[in-house]
Structure formats: C-alpha cells, structure tokens
Amino acid sequence: MKKKQQIEFVPDSRFQAMGKEAIIVLVYWLAMFIGVMLSAIFLGRGNPADYTYLFGFPLWFTVCIGIMIVGILVGIYLVMRVFRNVSLDAEDPEFDYEKGVRR
C-alpha cells in the first residue's frame, strides 16, 4: 500500500481578516437591532394617548430613528476606516500564495 503524500495547508491571511470583519459586522447589527427593539419596547408601552411626542412622532419612534442614523454613521466609519480592501482574485500579484501572506 502506497503512502499518500501530505500536502501542507497554508491558511490564507485574507480569509482570516474577512472572518474578523464578519464578526464585527455581526456584533454591529446585533447591537443596532437590540438598541432599536429595546427603545421601541420600553418607550412604546401603554396607551398611545399618553405617549410623549417629539417632532410630531412618538418618542419611541424618534429614538429608533436616531439610533438608526447613528448606526448608519458607525457603518460608514467601519467601511471607510476599519475594513480593508481585499482582492479575491486568484491571480492577485500582491499576494504570495505559497506563504499565505501579502507581499
């Protein structure tokens, strides 16, 4: 019986960076979702006639919109400053495929 040749697997650093960015996005969206839901639940309780209104909208709605605006600004910041532009091209000249690192 022939012995199979072991091929050494070199992890691609591009995918490690994308995994970290995916976790950041997951935490970002969960935080936004929880913030919007909690503000809607806690500020939207009770009789609508007793709500506090701001700019003609119920306070819970205005707070949810404010959270969404802040979330959009944080998302823009993440895209512009935190996330890296990574080429997924198989023939990327800036990437050393043997070592699994950027040149």
C-alpha atoms as a PDB file:
ATOM      1  CA  MET A   1       0.000   0.000   0.000  1.00  0.00           C
ATOM      2  CA  LYS A   2       1.378   3.376  -1.039  1.00  0.00           C
ATOM      3  CA  LYS A   3       1.745   6.124   1.457  1.00  0.00           C
ATOM      4  CA  LYS A   4      -0.134   9.285   0.455  1.00  0.00           C
ATOM      5  CA  GLN A   5       1.881  12.460   0.235  1.00  0.00           C
ATOM      6  CA  GLN A   6       0.854  15.037   2.815  1.00  0.00           C
ATOM      7  CA  ILE A   7       0.146  18.443   1.360  1.00  0.00           C
ATOM      8  CA  GLU A   8       0.839  21.278   3.762  1.00  0.00           C
ATOM      9  CA  PHE A   9      -2.133  23.605   4.091  1.00  0.00           C
ATOM     10  CA  VAL A  10      -1.226  27.264   4.419  1.00  0.00           C
ATOM     11  CA  PRO A  11      -4.159  29.354   5.637  1.00  0.00           C
ATOM     12  CA  ASP A  12      -4.829  32.424   3.553  1.00  0.00           C
ATOM     13  CA  SER A  13      -4.490  35.556   5.689  1.00  0.00           C
ATOM     14  CA  ARG A  14      -7.122  37.296   3.573  1.00  0.00           C
ATOM     15  CA  PHE A  15      -9.798  34.951   4.883  1.00  0.00           C
ATOM     16  CA  GLN A  16      -8.716  35.482   8.492  1.00  0.00           C
ATOM     17  CA  ALA A  17      -9.197  39.229   8.048  1.00  0.00           C
ATOM     18  CA  MET A  18     -12.599  38.659   6.469  1.00  0.00           C
ATOM     19  CA  GLY A  19     -13.607  36.433   9.386  1.00  0.00           C
ATOM     20  CA  LYS A  20     -12.759  39.199  11.865  1.00  0.00           C
ATOM     21  CA  GLU A  21     -14.683  41.722   9.787  1.00  0.00           C
ATOM     22  CA  ALA A  22     -17.690  39.377   9.654  1.00  0.00           C
ATOM     23  CA  ILE A  23     -17.702  39.159  13.454  1.00  0.00           C
ATOM     24  CA  ILE A  24     -17.503  42.962  13.698  1.00  0.00           C
ATOM     25  CA  VAL A  25     -20.494  43.293  11.346  1.00  0.00           C
ATOM     26  CA  LEU A  26     -22.473  40.685  13.290  1.00  0.00           C
ATOM     27  CA  VAL A  27     -21.876  42.471  16.606  1.00  0.00           C
ATOM     28  CA  TYR A  28     -22.647  45.838  14.963  1.00  0.00           C
ATOM     29  CA  TRP A  29     -26.012  44.685  13.586  1.00  0.00           C
ATOM     30  CA  LEU A  30     -26.975  42.866  16.784  1.00  0.00           C
ATOM     31  CA  ALA A  31     -26.223  45.987  18.826  1.00  0.00           C
ATOM     32  CA  MET A  32     -28.304  48.134  16.471  1.00  0.00           C
ATOM     33  CA  PHE A  33     -31.187  45.645  16.466  1.00  0.00           C
ATOM     34  CA  ILE A  34     -31.190  45.317  20.251  1.00  0.00           C
ATOM     35  CA  GLY A  35     -30.991  49.105  20.702  1.00  0.00           C
ATOM     36  CA  VAL A  36     -33.913  49.744  18.360  1.00  0.00           C
ATOM     37  CA  MET A  37     -36.037  46.945  19.812  1.00  0.00           C
ATOM     38  CA  LEU A  38     -35.411  47.917  23.437  1.00  0.00           C
ATOM     39  CA  SER A  39     -36.216  51.563  22.780  1.00  0.00           C
ATOM     40  CA  ALA A  40     -39.402  50.605  20.938  1.00  0.00           C
ATOM     41  CA  ILE A  41     -40.471  48.169  23.668  1.00  0.00           C
ATOM     42  CA  PHE A  42     -39.712  50.335  26.707  1.00  0.00           C
ATOM     43  CA  LEU A  43     -40.720  53.721  25.278  1.00  0.00           C
ATOM     44  CA  GLY A  44     -43.743  52.381  23.386  1.00  0.00           C
ATOM     45  CA  ARG A  45     -45.573  50.870  26.348  1.00  0.00           C
ATOM     46  CA  GLY A  46     -49.006  51.913  27.448  1.00  0.00           C
ATOM     47  CA  ASN A  47     -51.796  53.891  25.922  1.00  0.00           C
ATOM     48  CA  PRO A  48     -50.823  55.836  22.760  1.00  0.00           C
ATOM     49  CA  ALA A  49     -52.745  58.851  24.096  1.00  0.00           C
ATOM     50  CA  ASP A  50     -50.224  59.031  26.952  1.00  0.00           C
ATOM     51  CA  TYR A  51     -47.107  58.896  24.734  1.00  0.00           C
ATOM     52  CA  THR A  52     -44.591  61.705  24.709  1.00  0.00           C
ATOM     53  CA  TYR A  53     -44.341  63.189  21.221  1.00  0.00           C
ATOM     54  CA  LEU A  54     -41.261  64.753  19.634  1.00  0.00           C
ATOM     55  CA  PHE A  55     -41.433  66.425  16.220  1.00  0.00           C
ATOM     56  CA  GLY A  56     -44.973  65.057  15.864  1.00  0.00           C
ATOM     57  CA  PHE A  57     -43.851  61.454  16.271  1.00  0.00           C
ATOM     58  CA  PRO A  58     -43.991  59.238  19.355  1.00  0.00           C
ATOM     59  CA  LEU A  59     -40.782  59.385  21.378  1.00  0.00           C
ATOM     60  CA  TRP A  60     -40.057  55.685  20.810  1.00  0.00           C
ATOM     61  CA  PHE A  61     -40.166  56.196  17.024  1.00  0.00           C
ATOM     62  CA  THR A  62     -37.922  59.264  17.168  1.00  0.00           C
ATOM     63  CA  VAL A  63     -35.392  57.431  19.363  1.00  0.00           C
ATOM     64  CA  CYS A  64     -35.407  54.432  16.973  1.00  0.00           C
ATOM     65  CA  ILE A  65     -34.720  56.733  14.022  1.00  0.00           C
ATOM     66  CA  GLY A  66     -31.909  58.403  15.983  1.00  0.00           C
ATOM     67  CA  ILE A  67     -30.361  55.011  16.751  1.00  0.00           C
ATOM     68  CA  MET A  68     -30.588  54.066  13.075  1.00  0.00           C
ATOM     69  CA  ILE A  69     -28.901  57.319  11.994  1.00  0.00           C
ATOM     70  CA  VAL A  70     -26.073  56.770  14.481  1.00  0.00           C
ATOM     71  CA  GLY A  71     -25.838  53.155  13.268  1.00  0.00           C
ATOM     72  CA  ILE A  72     -25.542  54.265   9.658  1.00  0.00           C
ATOM     73  CA  LEU A  73     -22.758  56.695  10.585  1.00  0.00           C
ATOM     74  CA  VAL A  74     -20.921  53.951  12.510  1.00  0.00           C
ATOM     75  CA  GLY A  75     -21.326  51.644   9.496  1.00  0.00           C
ATOM     76  CA  ILE A  76     -19.834  54.275   7.188  1.00  0.00           C
ATOM     77  CA  TYR A  77     -16.927  54.722   9.608  1.00  0.00           C
ATOM     78  CA  LEU A  78     -16.339  50.953   9.700  1.00  0.00           C
ATOM     79  CA  VAL A  79     -16.270  50.727   5.915  1.00  0.00           C
ATOM     80  CA  MET A  80     -14.019  53.759   5.473  1.00  0.00           C
ATOM     81  CA  ARG A  81     -11.536  53.237   8.330  1.00  0.00           C
ATOM     82  CA  VAL A  82     -11.661  49.722   9.799  1.00  0.00           C
ATOM     83  CA  PHE A  83     -12.357  47.292   6.956  1.00  0.00           C
ATOM     84  CA  ARG A  84      -9.594  46.584   4.459  1.00  0.00           C
ATOM     85  CA  ASN A  85      -9.958  46.282   0.714  1.00  0.00           C
ATOM     86  CA  VAL A  86      -9.066  42.655  -0.024  1.00  0.00           C
ATOM     87  CA  SER A  87      -8.718  41.265  -3.527  1.00  0.00           C
ATOM     88  CA  LEU A  88     -10.394  37.897  -4.020  1.00  0.00           C
ATOM     89  CA  ASP A  89      -8.766  37.398  -7.388  1.00  0.00           C
ATOM     90  CA  ALA A  90      -6.958  34.065  -7.698  1.00  0.00           C
ATOM     91  CA  GLU A  91      -4.155  35.774  -9.621  1.00  0.00           C
ATOM     92  CA  ASP A  92      -3.531  38.606  -7.158  1.00  0.00           C
ATOM     93  CA  PRO A  93       0.047  39.851  -7.804  1.00  0.00           C
ATOM     94  CA  GLU A  94       0.274  41.380  -4.297  1.00  0.00           C
ATOM     95  CA  PHE A  95      -0.304  38.041  -2.548  1.00  0.00           C
ATOM     96  CA  ASP A  96       2.217  35.242  -2.000  1.00  0.00           C
ATOM     97  CA  TYR A  97       0.121  32.076  -2.221  1.00  0.00           C
ATOM     98  CA  GLU A  98       2.925  29.770  -1.081  1.00  0.00           C
ATOM     99  CA  LYS A  99       3.396  31.592   2.229  1.00  0.00           C
ATOM    100  CA  GLY A 100      -0.211  32.786   2.587  1.00  0.00           C
ATOM    101  CA  VAL A 101       0.736  36.426   3.172  1.00  0.00           C
ATOM    102  CA  ARG A 102       0.637  39.747   1.351  1.00  0.00           C
ATOM    103  CA  ARG A 103       3.916  40.687  -0.365  1.00  0.00           C
END
